[in-house]
Each structure stands twice: as structure tokens, then as C-alpha cells.
Amino acid sequence: PADSKWSVDKVTFVRPTDDAYPYTGPSSLLKPIHIIQSIKNNDTGTTMTTRQFLMESHNRSHAPQYLGVKRIEEDDVDDDGFQLHVLGQSNFISGNVAVMADESQNC
């Protein structure tokens, strides 16, 4: 969003049927994901990898446990457009961060 200091710069939408999908398991449990590759600082115009962003934006004494993502296009008036994702080891894919997605390709 334009009023946010940070925004997702580069993201890949991956479905369980795609070759790039990093997880395995019963197909009924596998959901589409967004693989967030870089974050943009809207104040300075600079970008950094998702890993750099997490390392630089959290208290260095402990790792962040959650990542909040505000979605741009939410038509549901009961939804604030904000999604909170728990961060665990399985979210980190080759230096990027994977978060669950619905069928929308927007992140």
C-alpha cells in the first residue's frame, strides 16, 4: 500500500501443482503460497531481500515469530485486508519467505 513504509517488491505465486512448490504431503493439505523474495522501503526506494529485511527490522536478540502482510485489494468490508502469518523454519525457502495464499495471486 502507498501509505506503508514497507511493501512486497518481488513475489512469486506458487500452486501445489507447480514444479517450484517446495512442500510435499497430502494434496488436501497443500495450499497455494506466495514466496516473498524482496521488500521495498517506500521512503527511500531501496530494496532488500526478505531475509535482510527480517534480520534488520527485528530485535536482534530474538527472531520474529510473526509476519503481517496487508493486502491491497480487499472488497470485503468486514476484512481489514491484513493477514498475520506465523513464522517457522518451514517458511524460509532458499533465503526467501513463503506464506500461505488463497487463490488470489496478489500479495
PDB file of N, CA and C in Angstrom:
ATOM      1  N   PRO A   1       0.814  -1.205   0.000  1.00  0.00           N
ATOM      2  CA  PRO A   1       0.000   0.000   0.000  1.00  0.00           C
ATOM      3  C   PRO A   1       0.855   1.265   0.000  1.00  0.00           C
ATOM      4  N   ALA A   2       0.371   2.309  -0.628  1.00  0.00           N
ATOM      5  CA  ALA A   2       1.137   3.541  -0.771  1.00  0.00           C
ATOM      6  C   ALA A   2       1.432   4.214   0.561  1.00  0.00           C
ATOM      7  N   ASP A   3       0.582   4.023   1.573  1.00  0.00           N
ATOM      8  CA  ASP A   3       0.789   4.679   2.853  1.00  0.00           C
ATOM      9  C   ASP A   3       1.660   3.866   3.814  1.00  0.00           C
ATOM     10  N   SER A   4       2.201   2.764   3.366  1.00  0.00           N
ATOM     11  CA  SER A   4       3.028   1.912   4.200  1.00  0.00           C
ATOM     12  C   SER A   4       4.500   2.194   3.936  1.00  0.00           C
ATOM     13  N   LYS A   5       5.321   2.099   4.982  1.00  0.00           N
ATOM     14  CA  LYS A   5       6.761   2.281   4.804  1.00  0.00           C
ATOM     15  C   LYS A   5       7.356   1.132   4.001  1.00  0.00           C
ATOM     16  N   TRP A   6       6.839  -0.073   4.188  1.00  0.00           N
ATOM     17  CA  TRP A   6       7.373  -1.266   3.537  1.00  0.00           C
ATOM     18  C   TRP A   6       6.332  -1.874   2.605  1.00  0.00           C
ATOM     19  N   SER A   7       6.782  -2.452   1.509  1.00  0.00           N
ATOM     20  CA  SER A   7       5.879  -3.194   0.644  1.00  0.00           C
ATOM     21  C   SER A   7       6.641  -4.363   0.014  1.00  0.00           C
ATOM     22  N   VAL A   8       5.880  -5.371  -0.393  1.00  0.00           N
ATOM     23  CA  VAL A   8       6.482  -6.506  -1.075  1.00  0.00           C
ATOM     24  C   VAL A   8       6.922  -6.026  -2.446  1.00  0.00           C
ATOM     25  N   ASP A   9       8.188  -6.274  -2.789  1.00  0.00           N
ATOM     26  CA  ASP A   9       8.733  -5.828  -4.071  1.00  0.00           C
ATOM     27  C   ASP A   9       8.652  -6.935  -5.107  1.00  0.00           C
ATOM     28  N   LYS A  10       9.139  -8.113  -4.763  1.00  0.00           N
ATOM     29  CA  LYS A  10       9.138  -9.229  -5.708  1.00  0.00           C
ATOM     30  C   LYS A  10       8.567 -10.450  -5.003  1.00  0.00           C
ATOM     31  N   VAL A  11       7.563 -11.058  -5.626  1.00  0.00           N
ATOM     32  CA  VAL A  11       6.895 -12.221  -5.054  1.00  0.00           C
ATOM     33  C   VAL A  11       6.532 -13.188  -6.174  1.00  0.00           C
ATOM     34  N   THR A  12       6.565 -14.459  -5.848  1.00  0.00           N
ATOM     35  CA  THR A  12       6.151 -15.490  -6.795  1.00  0.00           C
ATOM     36  C   THR A  12       4.969 -16.241  -6.203  1.00  0.00           C
ATOM     37  N   PHE A  13       3.901 -16.392  -6.969  1.00  0.00           N
ATOM     38  CA  PHE A  13       2.725 -17.158  -6.560  1.00  0.00           C
ATOM     39  C   PHE A  13       2.915 -18.584  -7.060  1.00  0.00           C
ATOM     40  N   VAL A  14       2.824 -19.549  -6.142  1.00  0.00           N
ATOM     41  CA  VAL A  14       3.077 -20.941  -6.500  1.00  0.00           C
ATOM     42  C   VAL A  14       1.934 -21.819  -6.003  1.00  0.00           C
ATOM     43  N   ARG A  15       1.409 -22.641  -6.892  1.00  0.00           N
ATOM     44  CA  ARG A  15       0.366 -23.607  -6.532  1.00  0.00           C
ATOM     45  C   ARG A  15       1.018 -24.968  -6.269  1.00  0.00           C
ATOM     46  N   PRO A  16       0.335 -25.836  -5.511  1.00  0.00           N
ATOM     47  CA  PRO A  16       0.896 -27.159  -5.213  1.00  0.00           C
ATOM     48  C   PRO A  16       1.240 -27.988  -6.454  1.00  0.00           C
ATOM     49  N   THR A  17       0.613 -27.720  -7.578  1.00  0.00           N
ATOM     50  CA  THR A  17       0.881 -28.467  -8.814  1.00  0.00           C
ATOM     51  C   THR A  17       2.078 -27.926  -9.587  1.00  0.00           C
ATOM     52  N   ASP A  18       2.632 -26.777  -9.165  1.00  0.00           N
ATOM     53  CA  ASP A  18       3.783 -26.179  -9.854  1.00  0.00           C
ATOM     54  C   ASP A  18       5.082 -26.862  -9.438  1.00  0.00           C
ATOM     55  N   ASP A  19       6.023 -26.969 -10.365  1.00  0.00           N
ATOM     56  CA  ASP A  19       7.324 -27.586 -10.067  1.00  0.00           C
ATOM     57  C   ASP A  19       8.072 -26.859  -8.955  1.00  0.00           C
ATOM     58  N   ALA A  20       7.885 -25.552  -8.854  1.00  0.00           N
ATOM     59  CA  ALA A  20       8.603 -24.751  -7.845  1.00  0.00           C
ATOM     60  C   ALA A  20       8.013 -24.882  -6.441  1.00  0.00           C
ATOM     61  N   TYR A  21       6.891 -25.581  -6.293  1.00  0.00           N
ATOM     62  CA  TYR A  21       6.249 -25.710  -4.975  1.00  0.00           C
ATOM     63  C   TYR A  21       7.182 -26.497  -4.049  1.00  0.00           C
ATOM     64  N   PRO A  22       7.539 -25.925  -2.894  1.00  0.00           N
ATOM     65  CA  PRO A  22       8.592 -26.525  -2.061  1.00  0.00           C
ATOM     66  C   PRO A  22       8.145 -27.596  -1.066  1.00  0.00           C
ATOM     67  N   TYR A  23       6.841 -27.787  -0.901  1.00  0.00           N
ATOM     68  CA  TYR A  23       6.369 -28.702   0.131  1.00  0.00           C
ATOM     69  C   TYR A  23       5.776 -29.970  -0.477  1.00  0.00           C
ATOM     70  N   THR A  24       5.753 -31.028   0.323  1.00  0.00           N
ATOM     71  CA  THR A  24       5.128 -32.283  -0.077  1.00  0.00           C
ATOM     72  C   THR A  24       4.135 -32.694   0.998  1.00  0.00           C
ATOM     73  N   GLY A  25       3.217 -33.548   0.643  1.00  0.00           N
ATOM     74  CA  GLY A  25       2.235 -34.029   1.597  1.00  0.00           C
ATOM     75  C   GLY A  25       0.929 -34.330   0.904  1.00  0.00           C
ATOM     76  N   PRO A  26      -0.084 -34.685   1.683  1.00  0.00           N
ATOM     77  CA  PRO A  26      -1.393 -34.972   1.101  1.00  0.00           C
ATOM     78  C   PRO A  26      -1.933 -33.741   0.359  1.00  0.00           C
ATOM     79  N   SER A  27      -2.428 -33.953  -0.841  1.00  0.00           N
ATOM     80  CA  SER A  27      -2.870 -32.821  -1.666  1.00  0.00           C
ATOM     81  C   SER A  27      -3.984 -32.020  -1.002  1.00  0.00           C
ATOM     82  N   SER A  28      -4.758 -32.645  -0.151  1.00  0.00           N
ATOM     83  CA  SER A  28      -5.841 -31.916   0.525  1.00  0.00           C
ATOM     84  C   SER A  28      -5.314 -30.888   1.522  1.00  0.00           C
ATOM     85  N   LEU A  29      -4.069 -31.040   1.952  1.00  0.00           N
ATOM     86  CA  LEU A  29      -3.474 -30.112   2.920  1.00  0.00           C
ATOM     87  C   LEU A  29      -2.589 -29.053   2.284  1.00  0.00           C
ATOM     88  N   LEU A  30      -2.219 -29.241   1.037  1.00  0.00           N
ATOM     89  CA  LEU A  30      -1.320 -28.302   0.364  1.00  0.00           C
ATOM     90  C   LEU A  30      -2.110 -27.133  -0.202  1.00  0.00           C
ATOM     91  N   LYS A  31      -1.673 -25.934   0.106  1.00  0.00           N
ATOM     92  CA  LYS A  31      -2.350 -24.705  -0.327  1.00  0.00           C
ATOM     93  C   LYS A  31      -1.388 -23.856  -1.155  1.00  0.00           C
ATOM     94  N   PRO A  32      -1.913 -22.961  -1.996  1.00  0.00           N
ATOM     95  CA  PRO A  32      -1.042 -22.041  -2.729  1.00  0.00           C
ATOM     96  C   PRO A  32      -0.238 -21.182  -1.755  1.00  0.00           C
ATOM     97  N   ILE A  33       0.923 -20.744  -2.186  1.00  0.00           N
ATOM     98  CA  ILE A  33       1.768 -19.894  -1.353  1.00  0.00           C
ATOM     99  C   ILE A  33       2.299 -18.723  -2.171  1.00  0.00           C
ATOM    100  N   HIS A  34       2.683 -17.683  -1.448  1.00  0.00           N
ATOM    101  CA  HIS A  34       3.457 -16.586  -2.017  1.00  0.00           C
ATOM    102  C   HIS A  34       4.876 -16.754  -1.494  1.00  0.00           C
ATOM    103  N   ILE A  35       5.850 -16.743  -2.382  1.00  0.00           N
ATOM    104  CA  ILE A  35       7.248 -16.751  -1.970  1.00  0.00           C
ATOM    105  C   ILE A  35       7.744 -15.324  -2.120  1.00  0.00           C
ATOM    106  N   ILE A  36       7.922 -14.657  -0.979  1.00  0.00           N
ATOM    107  CA  ILE A  36       8.342 -13.253  -0.967  1.00  0.00           C
ATOM    108  C   ILE A  36       9.860 -13.203  -1.080  1.00  0.00           C
ATOM    109  N   GLN A  37      10.342 -12.570  -2.160  1.00  0.00           N
ATOM    110  CA  GLN A  37      11.766 -12.552  -2.448  1.00  0.00           C
ATOM    111  C   GLN A  37      12.449 -11.244  -2.064  1.00  0.00           C
ATOM    112  N   SER A  38      11.721 -10.137  -2.130  1.00  0.00           N
ATOM    113  CA  SER A  38      12.331  -8.871  -1.724  1.00  0.00           C
ATOM    114  C   SER A  38      11.265  -7.914  -1.208  1.00  0.00           C
ATOM    115  N   ILE A  39      11.733  -6.980  -0.376  1.00  0.00           N
ATOM    116  CA  ILE A  39      10.906  -5.976   0.281  1.00  0.00           C
ATOM    117  C   ILE A  39      11.434  -4.601  -0.113  1.00  0.00           C
ATOM    118  N   LYS A  40      10.519  -3.658  -0.338  1.00  0.00           N
ATOM    119  CA  LYS A  40      10.923  -2.300  -0.715  1.00  0.00           C
ATOM    120  C   LYS A  40      10.619  -1.334   0.424  1.00  0.00           C
ATOM    121  N   ASN A  41      11.577  -0.462   0.721  1.00  0.00           N
ATOM    122  CA  ASN A  41      11.378   0.635   1.657  1.00  0.00           C
ATOM    123  C   ASN A  41      10.810   1.789   0.828  1.00  0.00           C
ATOM    124  N   ASN A  42       9.534   2.104   1.019  1.00  0.00           N
ATOM    125  CA  ASN A  42       8.881   3.124   0.203  1.00  0.00           C
ATOM    126  C   ASN A  42       9.385   4.536   0.501  1.00  0.00           C
ATOM    127  N   ASP A  43      10.002   4.745   1.664  1.00  0.00           N
ATOM    128  CA  ASP A  43      10.547   6.062   1.995  1.00  0.00           C
ATOM    129  C   ASP A  43      11.834   6.346   1.226  1.00  0.00           C
ATOM    130  N   THR A  44      12.684   5.315   1.084  1.00  0.00           N
ATOM    131  CA  THR A  44      13.990   5.514   0.452  1.00  0.00           C
ATOM    132  C   THR A  44      14.065   4.965  -0.968  1.00  0.00           C
ATOM    133  N   GLY A  45      13.131   4.079  -1.320  1.00  0.00           N
ATOM    134  CA  GLY A  45      13.154   3.462  -2.641  1.00  0.00           C
ATOM    135  C   GLY A  45      14.098   2.274  -2.739  1.00  0.00           C
ATOM    136  N   THR A  46      14.759   1.917  -1.659  1.00  0.00           N
ATOM    137  CA  THR A  46      15.698   0.800  -1.689  1.00  0.00           C
ATOM    138  C   THR A  46      14.968  -0.518  -1.468  1.00  0.00           C
ATOM    139  N   THR A  47      15.552  -1.575  -1.990  1.00  0.00           N
ATOM    140  CA  THR A  47      15.002  -2.909  -1.782  1.00  0.00           C
ATOM    141  C   THR A  47      16.026  -3.777  -1.072  1.00  0.00           C
ATOM    142  N   MET A  48      15.521  -4.788  -0.389  1.00  0.00           N
ATOM    143  CA  MET A  48      16.400  -5.757   0.270  1.00  0.00           C
ATOM    144  C   MET A  48      15.743  -7.119   0.194  1.00  0.00           C
ATOM    145  N   THR A  49      16.566  -8.153   0.340  1.00  0.00           N
ATOM    146  CA  THR A  49      16.000  -9.490   0.344  1.00  0.00           C
ATOM    147  C   THR A  49      15.109  -9.629   1.576  1.00  0.00           C
ATOM    148  N   THR A  50      14.214 -10.573   1.526  1.00  0.00           N
ATOM    149  CA  THR A  50      13.319 -10.798   2.653  1.00  0.00           C
ATOM    150  C   THR A  50      14.113 -11.163   3.900  1.00  0.00           C
ATOM    151  N   ARG A  51      15.139 -11.969   3.733  1.00  0.00           N
ATOM    152  CA  ARG A  51      15.984 -12.339   4.870  1.00  0.00           C
ATOM    153  C   ARG A  51      16.660 -11.100   5.470  1.00  0.00           C
ATOM    154  N   GLN A  52      17.200 -10.219   4.628  1.00  0.00           N
ATOM    155  CA  GLN A  52      17.814  -8.985   5.123  1.00  0.00           C
ATOM    156  C   GLN A  52      16.785  -8.148   5.886  1.00  0.00           C
ATOM    157  N   PHE A  53      15.585  -8.033   5.335  1.00  0.00           N
ATOM    158  CA  PHE A  53      14.532  -7.264   5.973  1.00  0.00           C
ATOM    159  C   PHE A  53      14.233  -7.809   7.372  1.00  0.00           C
ATOM    160  N   LEU A  54      14.063  -9.110   7.487  1.00  0.00           N
ATOM    161  CA  LEU A  54      13.756  -9.704   8.787  1.00  0.00           C
ATOM    162  C   LEU A  54      14.905  -9.522   9.776  1.00  0.00           C
ATOM    163  N   MET A  55      16.133  -9.661   9.302  1.00  0.00           N
ATOM    164  CA  MET A  55      17.294  -9.511  10.182  1.00  0.00           C
ATOM    165  C   MET A  55      17.446  -8.062  10.659  1.00  0.00           C
ATOM    166  N   GLU A  56      17.172  -7.102   9.792  1.00  0.00           N
ATOM    167  CA  GLU A  56      17.379  -5.704  10.130  1.00  0.00           C
ATOM    168  C   GLU A  56      16.192  -5.063  10.847  1.00  0.00           C
ATOM    169  N   SER A  57      15.013  -5.652  10.725  1.00  0.00           N
ATOM    170  CA  SER A  57      13.838  -4.988  11.279  1.00  0.00           C
ATOM    171  C   SER A  57      13.366  -5.572  12.608  1.00  0.00           C
ATOM    172  N   HIS A  58      13.996  -6.604  13.096  1.00  0.00           N
ATOM    173  CA  HIS A  58      13.574  -7.171  14.375  1.00  0.00           C
ATOM    174  C   HIS A  58      14.631  -6.924  15.439  1.00  0.00           C
ATOM    175  N   ASN A  59      14.211  -7.126  16.668  1.00  0.00           N
ATOM    176  CA  ASN A  59      15.144  -7.024  17.784  1.00  0.00           C
ATOM    177  C   ASN A  59      16.181  -8.126  17.616  1.00  0.00           C
ATOM    178  N   ARG A  60      17.422  -7.776  17.503  1.00  0.00           N
ATOM    179  CA  ARG A  60      18.465  -8.743  17.191  1.00  0.00           C
ATOM    180  C   ARG A  60      18.656  -9.824  18.252  1.00  0.00           C
ATOM    181  N   SER A  61      18.011  -9.683  19.403  1.00  0.00           N
ATOM    182  CA  SER A  61      18.173 -10.694  20.443  1.00  0.00           C
ATOM    183  C   SER A  61      17.286 -11.923  20.214  1.00  0.00           C
ATOM    184  N   HIS A  62      16.304 -11.823  19.343  1.00  0.00           N
ATOM    185  CA  HIS A  62      15.462 -12.980  19.032  1.00  0.00           C
ATOM    186  C   HIS A  62      14.816 -12.807  17.663  1.00  0.00           C
ATOM    187  N   ALA A  63      14.484 -13.922  17.046  1.00  0.00           N
ATOM    188  CA  ALA A  63      13.894 -13.903  15.707  1.00  0.00           C
ATOM    189  C   ALA A  63      12.413 -13.542  15.788  1.00  0.00           C
ATOM    190  N   PRO A  64      11.876 -12.900  14.747  1.00  0.00           N
ATOM    191  CA  PRO A  64      10.446 -12.579  14.740  1.00  0.00           C
ATOM    192  C   PRO A  64       9.613 -13.858  14.679  1.00  0.00           C
ATOM    193  N   GLN A  65       8.475 -13.836  15.329  1.00  0.00           N
ATOM    194  CA  GLN A  65       7.590 -15.001  15.323  1.00  0.00           C
ATOM    195  C   GLN A  65       6.439 -14.843  14.349  1.00  0.00           C
ATOM    196  N   TYR A  66       6.169 -13.612  13.923  1.00  0.00           N
ATOM    197  CA  TYR A  66       5.034 -13.341  13.035  1.00  0.00           C
ATOM    198  C   TYR A  66       5.439 -12.379  11.935  1.00  0.00           C
ATOM    199  N   LEU A  67       4.746 -12.487  10.815  1.00  0.00           N
ATOM    200  CA  LEU A  67       4.912 -11.560   9.704  1.00  0.00           C
ATOM    201  C   LEU A  67       3.524 -11.104   9.298  1.00  0.00           C
ATOM    202  N   GLY A  68       3.285  -9.811   9.314  1.00  0.00           N
ATOM    203  CA  GLY A  68       1.988  -9.262   8.904  1.00  0.00           C
ATOM    204  C   GLY A  68       2.070  -8.756   7.480  1.00  0.00           C
ATOM    205  N   VAL A  69       1.078  -9.101   6.683  1.00  0.00           N
ATOM    206  CA  VAL A  69       1.018  -8.664   5.290  1.00  0.00           C
ATOM    207  C   VAL A  69      -0.328  -7.987   5.064  1.00  0.00           C
ATOM    208  N   LYS A  70      -0.300  -6.727   4.638  1.00  0.00           N
ATOM    209  CA  LYS A  70      -1.537  -6.005   4.323  1.00  0.00           C
ATOM    210  C   LYS A  70      -1.784  -6.134   2.833  1.00  0.00           C
ATOM    211  N   ARG A  71      -2.941  -6.651   2.507  1.00  0.00           N
ATOM    212  CA  ARG A  71      -3.293  -6.849   1.106  1.00  0.00           C
ATOM    213  C   ARG A  71      -3.877  -5.573   0.525  1.00  0.00           C
ATOM    214  N   ILE A  72      -3.670  -5.370  -0.746  1.00  0.00           N
ATOM    215  CA  ILE A  72      -4.086  -4.140  -1.415  1.00  0.00           C
ATOM    216  C   ILE A  72      -5.575  -4.123  -1.726  1.00  0.00           C
ATOM    217  N   GLU A  73      -6.101  -5.152  -2.323  1.00  0.00           N
ATOM    218  CA  GLU A  73      -7.466  -5.142  -2.836  1.00  0.00           C
ATOM    219  C   GLU A  73      -8.374  -6.043  -2.022  1.00  0.00           C
ATOM    220  N   GLU A  74      -8.979  -5.518  -1.030  1.00  0.00           N
ATOM    221  CA  GLU A  74      -9.948  -6.288  -0.258  1.00  0.00           C
ATOM    222  C   GLU A  74     -11.307  -5.622  -0.409  1.00  0.00           C
ATOM    223  N   ASP A  75     -12.267  -6.347  -0.987  1.00  0.00           N
ATOM    224  CA  ASP A  75     -13.613  -5.817  -1.196  1.00  0.00           C
ATOM    225  C   ASP A  75     -14.531  -6.088  -0.012  1.00  0.00           C
ATOM    226  N   ASP A  76     -14.158  -7.024   0.839  1.00  0.00           N
ATOM    227  CA  ASP A  76     -14.983  -7.406   1.980  1.00  0.00           C
ATOM    228  C   ASP A  76     -14.857  -6.340   3.067  1.00  0.00           C
ATOM    229  N   VAL A  77     -15.947  -5.664   3.393  1.00  0.00           N
ATOM    230  CA  VAL A  77     -15.892  -4.582   4.382  1.00  0.00           C
ATOM    231  C   VAL A  77     -15.631  -5.104   5.794  1.00  0.00           C
ATOM    232  N   ASP A  78     -15.868  -6.388   6.025  1.00  0.00           N
ATOM    233  CA  ASP A  78     -15.594  -6.972   7.339  1.00  0.00           C
ATOM    234  C   ASP A  78     -14.148  -7.420   7.484  1.00  0.00           C
ATOM    235  N   ASP A  79     -13.378  -7.311   6.428  1.00  0.00           N
ATOM    236  CA  ASP A  79     -11.985  -7.745   6.421  1.00  0.00           C
ATOM    237  C   ASP A  79     -11.098  -6.516   6.314  1.00  0.00           C
ATOM    238  N   ASP A  80     -10.133  -6.374   7.223  1.00  0.00           N
ATOM    239  CA  ASP A  80      -9.257  -5.203   7.183  1.00  0.00           C
ATOM    240  C   ASP A  80      -8.130  -5.354   6.165  1.00  0.00           C
ATOM    241  N   GLY A  81      -8.063  -6.517   5.473  1.00  0.00           N
ATOM    242  CA  GLY A  81      -7.038  -6.718   4.453  1.00  0.00           C
ATOM    243  C   GLY A  81      -5.692  -7.090   5.014  1.00  0.00           C
ATOM    244  N   PHE A  82      -5.637  -7.401   6.292  1.00  0.00           N
ATOM    245  CA  PHE A  82      -4.382  -7.697   6.960  1.00  0.00           C
ATOM    246  C   PHE A  82      -4.320  -9.181   7.290  1.00  0.00           C
ATOM    247  N   GLN A  83      -3.223  -9.837   6.924  1.00  0.00           N
ATOM    248  CA  GLN A  83      -3.036 -11.248   7.231  1.00  0.00           C
ATOM    249  C   GLN A  83      -1.803 -11.410   8.099  1.00  0.00           C
ATOM    250  N   LEU A  84      -1.944 -12.156   9.162  1.00  0.00           N
ATOM    251  CA  LEU A  84      -0.837 -12.437  10.067  1.00  0.00           C
ATOM    252  C   LEU A  84      -0.380 -13.867   9.843  1.00  0.00           C
ATOM    253  N   HIS A  85       0.920 -14.049   9.622  1.00  0.00           N
ATOM    254  CA  HIS A  85       1.483 -15.366   9.362  1.00  0.00           C
ATOM    255  C   HIS A  85       2.483 -15.708  10.457  1.00  0.00           C
ATOM    256  N   VAL A  86       2.348 -16.898  11.008  1.00  0.00           N
ATOM    257  CA  VAL A  86       3.321 -17.391  11.981  1.00  0.00           C
ATOM    258  C   VAL A  86       4.567 -17.780  11.202  1.00  0.00           C
ATOM    259  N   LEU A  87       5.733 -17.357  11.687  1.00  0.00           N
ATOM    260  CA  LEU A  87       6.990 -17.710  11.027  1.00  0.00           C
ATOM    261  C   LEU A  87       7.634 -18.887  11.736  1.00  0.00           C
ATOM    262  N   GLY A  88       7.987 -19.875  10.964  1.00  0.00           N
ATOM    263  CA  GLY A  88       8.697 -21.037  11.474  1.00  0.00           C
ATOM    264  C   GLY A  88       9.749 -21.446  10.466  1.00  0.00           C
ATOM    265  N   GLN A  89      10.497 -22.464  10.784  1.00  0.00           N
ATOM    266  CA  GLN A  89      11.574 -22.921   9.913  1.00  0.00           C
ATOM    267  C   GLN A  89      11.062 -23.251   8.511  1.00  0.00           C
ATOM    268  N   SER A  90       9.848 -23.771   8.408  1.00  0.00           N
ATOM    269  CA  SER A  90       9.322 -24.171   7.105  1.00  0.00           C
ATOM    270  C   SER A  90       8.964 -22.986   6.209  1.00  0.00           C
ATOM    271  N   ASN A  91       8.943 -21.765   6.758  1.00  0.00           N
ATOM    272  CA  ASN A  91       8.642 -20.582   5.947  1.00  0.00           C
ATOM    273  C   ASN A  91       9.850 -20.090   5.148  1.00  0.00           C
ATOM    274  N   PHE A  92      11.043 -20.501   5.539  1.00  0.00           N
ATOM    275  CA  PHE A  92      12.249 -19.991   4.897  1.00  0.00           C
ATOM    276  C   PHE A  92      12.685 -20.936   3.783  1.00  0.00           C
ATOM    277  N   ILE A  93      12.574 -20.464   2.551  1.00  0.00           N
ATOM    278  CA  ILE A  93      12.872 -21.245   1.358  1.00  0.00           C
ATOM    279  C   ILE A  93      13.977 -20.529   0.592  1.00  0.00           C
ATOM    280  N   SER A  94      15.169 -21.066   0.615  1.00  0.00           N
ATOM    281  CA  SER A  94      16.298 -20.503  -0.139  1.00  0.00           C
ATOM    282  C   SER A  94      16.467 -19.006   0.093  1.00  0.00           C
ATOM    283  N   GLY A  95      16.391 -18.560   1.325  1.00  0.00           N
ATOM    284  CA  GLY A  95      16.584 -17.156   1.647  1.00  0.00           C
ATOM    285  C   GLY A  95      15.347 -16.297   1.466  1.00  0.00           C
ATOM    286  N   ASN A  96      14.256 -16.886   1.006  1.00  0.00           N
ATOM    287  CA  ASN A  96      13.004 -16.185   0.820  1.00  0.00           C
ATOM    288  C   ASN A  96      12.030 -16.625   1.905  1.00  0.00           C
ATOM    289  N   VAL A  97      10.897 -15.971   1.982  1.00  0.00           N
ATOM    290  CA  VAL A  97       9.877 -16.336   2.955  1.00  0.00           C
ATOM    291  C   VAL A  97       8.626 -16.761   2.208  1.00  0.00           C
ATOM    292  N   ALA A  98       8.105 -17.928   2.565  1.00  0.00           N
ATOM    293  CA  ALA A  98       6.873 -18.435   1.963  1.00  0.00           C
ATOM    294  C   ALA A  98       5.728 -18.226   2.949  1.00  0.00           C
ATOM    295  N   VAL A  99       4.624 -17.665   2.472  1.00  0.00           N
ATOM    296  CA  VAL A  99       3.427 -17.501   3.283  1.00  0.00           C
ATOM    297  C   VAL A  99       2.246 -18.063   2.513  1.00  0.00           C
ATOM    298  N   MET A 100       1.289 -18.619   3.251  1.00  0.00           N
ATOM    299  CA  MET A 100       0.122 -19.207   2.606  1.00  0.00           C
ATOM    300  C   MET A 100      -0.661 -18.127   1.864  1.00  0.00           C
ATOM    301  N   ALA A 101      -1.325 -18.541   0.816  1.00  0.00           N
ATOM    302  CA  ALA A 101      -2.120 -17.634  -0.005  1.00  0.00           C
ATOM    303  C   ALA A 101      -3.466 -18.283  -0.276  1.00  0.00           C
ATOM    304  N   ASP A 102      -4.436 -17.460  -0.617  1.00  0.00           N
ATOM    305  CA  ASP A 102      -5.671 -18.024  -1.147  1.00  0.00           C
ATOM    306  C   ASP A 102      -5.444 -18.145  -2.655  1.00  0.00           C
ATOM    307  N   GLU A 103      -6.475 -18.250  -3.420  1.00  0.00           N
ATOM    308  CA  GLU A 103      -6.287 -18.369  -4.869  1.00  0.00           C
ATOM    309  C   GLU A 103      -5.910 -17.046  -5.526  1.00  0.00           C
ATOM    310  N   SER A 104      -5.903 -15.958  -4.760  1.00  0.00           N
ATOM    311  CA  SER A 104      -5.514 -14.672  -5.311  1.00  0.00           C
ATOM    312  C   SER A 104      -4.007 -14.633  -5.511  1.00  0.00           C
ATOM    313  N   GLN A 105      -3.574 -14.122  -6.629  1.00  0.00           N
ATOM    314  CA  GLN A 105      -2.155 -14.008  -6.884  1.00  0.00           C
ATOM    315  C   GLN A 105      -1.577 -12.711  -6.349  1.00  0.00           C
ATOM    316  N   ASN A 106      -2.422 -11.867  -5.759  1.00  0.00           N
ATOM    317  CA  ASN A 106      -1.957 -10.598  -5.204  1.00  0.00           C
ATOM    318  C   ASN A 106      -1.413 -10.818  -3.802  1.00  0.00           C
ATOM    319  N   CYS A 107      -0.341 -10.152  -3.490  1.00  0.00           N
ATOM    320  CA  CYS A 107       0.253 -10.231  -2.156  1.00  0.00           C
ATOM    321  C   CYS A 107       0.536  -8.835  -1.658  1.00  0.00           C
TER     322      CYS A 107
END
